[in-house]
């Protein structure tokens, strides 16, 4: 379950960074009232925590990943 949540948040963060890089448009900041607003900062922090969590995916064996995906359902 945590792996999927982390990946979803990373996808959101990646799309946001893509928008910033291509169009100079920060969707998270636009949705939540600016980059300095508390809600935007919470989203940025959650994306960062998700990135740190997903580092663990690099070091897991295929068996561990298979077990975690089958028990998440």
N, C-alpha and C. Protein backbone atom coordinates (compact mmCIF):
# COMPACT_ATOMS: atom_id res chain seq x y z
N UNK A 1 0.82 -1.19 0.00
CA UNK A 1 0.00 0.00 0.00
C UNK A 1 0.87 1.26 0.00
N UNK A 2 1.89 1.30 0.87
CA UNK A 2 2.74 2.49 0.96
C UNK A 2 3.51 2.72 -0.33
N UNK A 3 3.91 1.63 -0.98
CA UNK A 3 4.64 1.76 -2.24
C UNK A 3 3.77 2.45 -3.28
N UNK A 4 2.52 2.06 -3.37
CA UNK A 4 1.61 2.66 -4.36
C UNK A 4 1.35 4.13 -4.05
N UNK A 5 1.14 4.46 -2.80
CA UNK A 5 0.92 5.85 -2.41
C UNK A 5 2.14 6.68 -2.76
N UNK A 6 3.32 6.16 -2.44
CA UNK A 6 4.55 6.88 -2.74
C UNK A 6 4.72 7.08 -4.25
N UNK A 7 4.42 6.06 -5.03
CA UNK A 7 4.54 6.19 -6.48
C UNK A 7 3.54 7.19 -7.05
N UNK A 8 2.33 7.21 -6.52
CA UNK A 8 1.33 8.18 -6.97
C UNK A 8 1.80 9.60 -6.68
N UNK A 9 2.33 9.81 -5.48
CA UNK A 9 2.82 11.14 -5.13
C UNK A 9 4.02 11.53 -5.99
N UNK A 10 4.88 10.57 -6.31
CA UNK A 10 6.01 10.88 -7.19
C UNK A 10 5.54 11.22 -8.60
N UNK A 11 4.51 10.56 -9.06
CA UNK A 11 3.96 10.90 -10.38
C UNK A 11 3.42 12.31 -10.38
N UNK A 12 2.69 12.67 -9.33
CA UNK A 12 2.17 14.04 -9.20
C UNK A 12 3.32 15.04 -9.20
N UNK A 13 4.35 14.73 -8.40
CA UNK A 13 5.51 15.62 -8.33
C UNK A 13 6.23 15.71 -9.66
N UNK A 14 6.36 14.59 -10.36
CA UNK A 14 7.03 14.60 -11.65
C UNK A 14 6.28 15.41 -12.69
N UNK A 15 4.96 15.26 -12.70
CA UNK A 15 4.15 16.06 -13.62
C UNK A 15 4.27 17.53 -13.29
N UNK A 16 4.26 17.86 -12.01
CA UNK A 16 4.39 19.25 -11.60
C UNK A 16 5.73 19.82 -12.04
N UNK A 17 6.82 19.07 -11.83
CA UNK A 17 8.14 19.54 -12.25
C UNK A 17 8.21 19.66 -13.76
N UNK A 18 7.56 18.78 -14.48
CA UNK A 18 7.52 18.89 -15.94
C UNK A 18 6.83 20.17 -16.38
N UNK A 19 5.72 20.49 -15.73
CA UNK A 19 5.01 21.73 -16.04
C UNK A 19 5.87 22.95 -15.72
N UNK A 20 6.59 22.89 -14.61
CA UNK A 20 7.48 24.00 -14.24
C UNK A 20 8.58 24.15 -15.29
N UNK A 21 9.18 23.04 -15.70
CA UNK A 21 10.28 23.09 -16.65
C UNK A 21 9.85 23.52 -18.05
N UNK A 22 8.70 23.06 -18.49
CA UNK A 22 8.26 23.34 -19.86
C UNK A 22 7.53 24.68 -19.96
N UNK A 23 6.61 24.91 -19.03
CA UNK A 23 5.73 26.08 -19.13
C UNK A 23 5.94 27.13 -18.04
N UNK A 24 6.86 26.88 -17.12
CA UNK A 24 7.07 27.74 -15.96
C UNK A 24 5.75 27.94 -15.19
N UNK A 25 5.02 26.83 -15.05
CA UNK A 25 3.73 26.85 -14.35
C UNK A 25 3.76 25.80 -13.25
N UNK A 26 3.64 26.25 -12.01
CA UNK A 26 3.64 25.37 -10.85
C UNK A 26 2.18 25.07 -10.49
N UNK A 27 1.71 23.89 -10.89
CA UNK A 27 0.31 23.50 -10.68
C UNK A 27 -0.03 23.43 -9.19
N UNK A 28 0.87 22.86 -8.39
CA UNK A 28 0.61 22.73 -6.95
C UNK A 28 0.44 24.12 -6.33
N UNK A 29 1.35 25.02 -6.66
CA UNK A 29 1.25 26.39 -6.12
C UNK A 29 -0.03 27.07 -6.60
N UNK A 30 -0.38 26.85 -7.85
CA UNK A 30 -1.59 27.46 -8.39
C UNK A 30 -2.84 26.93 -7.68
N UNK A 31 -2.86 25.62 -7.43
CA UNK A 31 -4.03 25.03 -6.79
C UNK A 31 -4.19 25.45 -5.34
N UNK A 32 -3.07 25.62 -4.64
CA UNK A 32 -3.13 25.84 -3.20
C UNK A 32 -2.72 27.23 -2.75
N UNK A 33 -2.67 28.20 -3.64
CA UNK A 33 -2.48 29.58 -3.23
C UNK A 33 -1.05 30.05 -3.13
N UNK A 34 -0.18 29.55 -3.95
CA UNK A 34 1.22 30.00 -3.96
C UNK A 34 2.16 28.97 -3.38
N UNK A 35 3.42 29.08 -3.79
CA UNK A 35 4.43 28.09 -3.37
C UNK A 35 4.71 28.16 -1.88
N UNK A 36 4.46 29.29 -1.26
CA UNK A 36 4.73 29.44 0.16
C UNK A 36 3.56 29.09 1.06
N UNK A 37 2.41 28.76 0.48
CA UNK A 37 1.25 28.44 1.32
C UNK A 37 1.48 27.11 2.03
N UNK A 38 0.83 26.95 3.13
CA UNK A 38 1.04 25.76 3.96
C UNK A 38 0.62 24.49 3.21
N UNK A 39 -0.46 24.55 2.44
CA UNK A 39 -0.91 23.37 1.71
C UNK A 39 0.08 22.97 0.61
N UNK A 40 0.61 23.96 -0.10
CA UNK A 40 1.62 23.66 -1.12
C UNK A 40 2.85 23.04 -0.48
N UNK A 41 3.27 23.58 0.64
CA UNK A 41 4.46 23.05 1.31
C UNK A 41 4.22 21.63 1.80
N UNK A 42 3.01 21.33 2.25
CA UNK A 42 2.68 19.96 2.68
C UNK A 42 2.79 19.01 1.48
N UNK A 43 2.26 19.42 0.33
CA UNK A 43 2.35 18.57 -0.86
C UNK A 43 3.81 18.36 -1.24
N UNK A 44 4.61 19.42 -1.24
CA UNK A 44 6.04 19.30 -1.58
C UNK A 44 6.75 18.36 -0.61
N UNK A 45 6.44 18.47 0.67
CA UNK A 45 7.06 17.60 1.68
C UNK A 45 6.65 16.15 1.48
N UNK A 46 5.37 15.91 1.19
CA UNK A 46 4.90 14.55 0.94
C UNK A 46 5.57 13.93 -0.29
N UNK A 47 5.76 14.73 -1.32
CA UNK A 47 6.45 14.24 -2.52
C UNK A 47 7.90 13.89 -2.18
N UNK A 48 8.55 14.73 -1.39
CA UNK A 48 9.94 14.46 -0.98
C UNK A 48 10.04 13.20 -0.14
N UNK A 49 9.12 13.01 0.79
CA UNK A 49 9.11 11.80 1.62
C UNK A 49 8.87 10.58 0.74
N UNK A 50 8.00 10.72 -0.24
CA UNK A 50 7.74 9.62 -1.17
C UNK A 50 8.99 9.25 -1.96
N UNK A 51 9.75 10.25 -2.36
CA UNK A 51 10.99 9.99 -3.10
C UNK A 51 11.96 9.20 -2.22
N UNK A 52 12.09 9.60 -0.97
CA UNK A 52 12.97 8.89 -0.05
C UNK A 52 12.47 7.46 0.15
N UNK A 53 11.18 7.29 0.29
CA UNK A 53 10.60 5.95 0.46
C UNK A 53 10.91 5.07 -0.76
N UNK A 54 10.78 5.65 -1.96
CA UNK A 54 10.98 4.87 -3.18
C UNK A 54 12.44 4.49 -3.41
N UNK A 55 13.37 5.13 -2.72
CA UNK A 55 14.76 4.70 -2.79
C UNK A 55 14.86 3.25 -2.35
N UNK A 56 14.02 2.86 -1.38
CA UNK A 56 14.05 1.48 -0.89
C UNK A 56 13.68 0.48 -1.98
N UNK A 57 12.91 0.91 -2.98
CA UNK A 57 12.54 0.01 -4.07
C UNK A 57 13.76 -0.45 -4.86
N UNK A 58 14.78 0.38 -4.91
CA UNK A 58 16.00 0.02 -5.63
C UNK A 58 16.75 -1.13 -4.97
N UNK A 59 16.57 -1.28 -3.67
CA UNK A 59 17.34 -2.25 -2.92
C UNK A 59 16.56 -3.50 -2.53
N UNK A 60 15.31 -3.57 -2.93
CA UNK A 60 14.50 -4.74 -2.63
C UNK A 60 14.70 -5.80 -3.70
N UNK A 61 14.61 -7.04 -3.28
CA UNK A 61 14.71 -8.12 -4.25
C UNK A 61 13.38 -8.28 -4.96
N UNK A 62 13.38 -9.00 -6.06
CA UNK A 62 12.14 -9.24 -6.80
C UNK A 62 11.13 -9.99 -5.95
N UNK A 63 11.61 -10.90 -5.10
CA UNK A 63 10.70 -11.66 -4.24
C UNK A 63 10.01 -10.74 -3.23
N UNK A 64 10.77 -9.82 -2.66
CA UNK A 64 10.17 -8.89 -1.69
C UNK A 64 9.14 -8.00 -2.36
N UNK A 65 9.43 -7.55 -3.57
CA UNK A 65 8.48 -6.71 -4.29
C UNK A 65 7.23 -7.49 -4.66
N UNK A 66 7.40 -8.76 -5.05
CA UNK A 66 6.24 -9.59 -5.40
C UNK A 66 5.36 -9.82 -4.18
N UNK A 67 5.97 -10.07 -3.05
CA UNK A 67 5.20 -10.28 -1.82
C UNK A 67 4.47 -9.01 -1.42
N UNK A 68 5.13 -7.85 -1.52
CA UNK A 68 4.48 -6.61 -1.10
C UNK A 68 3.34 -6.24 -2.02
N UNK A 69 3.42 -6.56 -3.31
CA UNK A 69 2.32 -6.20 -4.21
C UNK A 69 1.15 -7.17 -4.05
N UNK A 70 1.41 -8.42 -3.71
CA UNK A 70 0.30 -9.35 -3.55
C UNK A 70 -0.42 -9.16 -2.21
N UNK A 71 0.28 -8.69 -1.21
CA UNK A 71 -0.36 -8.46 0.09
C UNK A 71 -1.05 -7.12 0.17
N UNK A 72 -0.77 -6.21 -0.77
CA UNK A 72 -1.40 -4.89 -0.77
C UNK A 72 -2.84 -4.94 -1.23
N UNK A 73 -3.22 -5.95 -1.94
CA UNK A 73 -4.56 -5.97 -2.53
C UNK A 73 -5.62 -6.27 -1.54
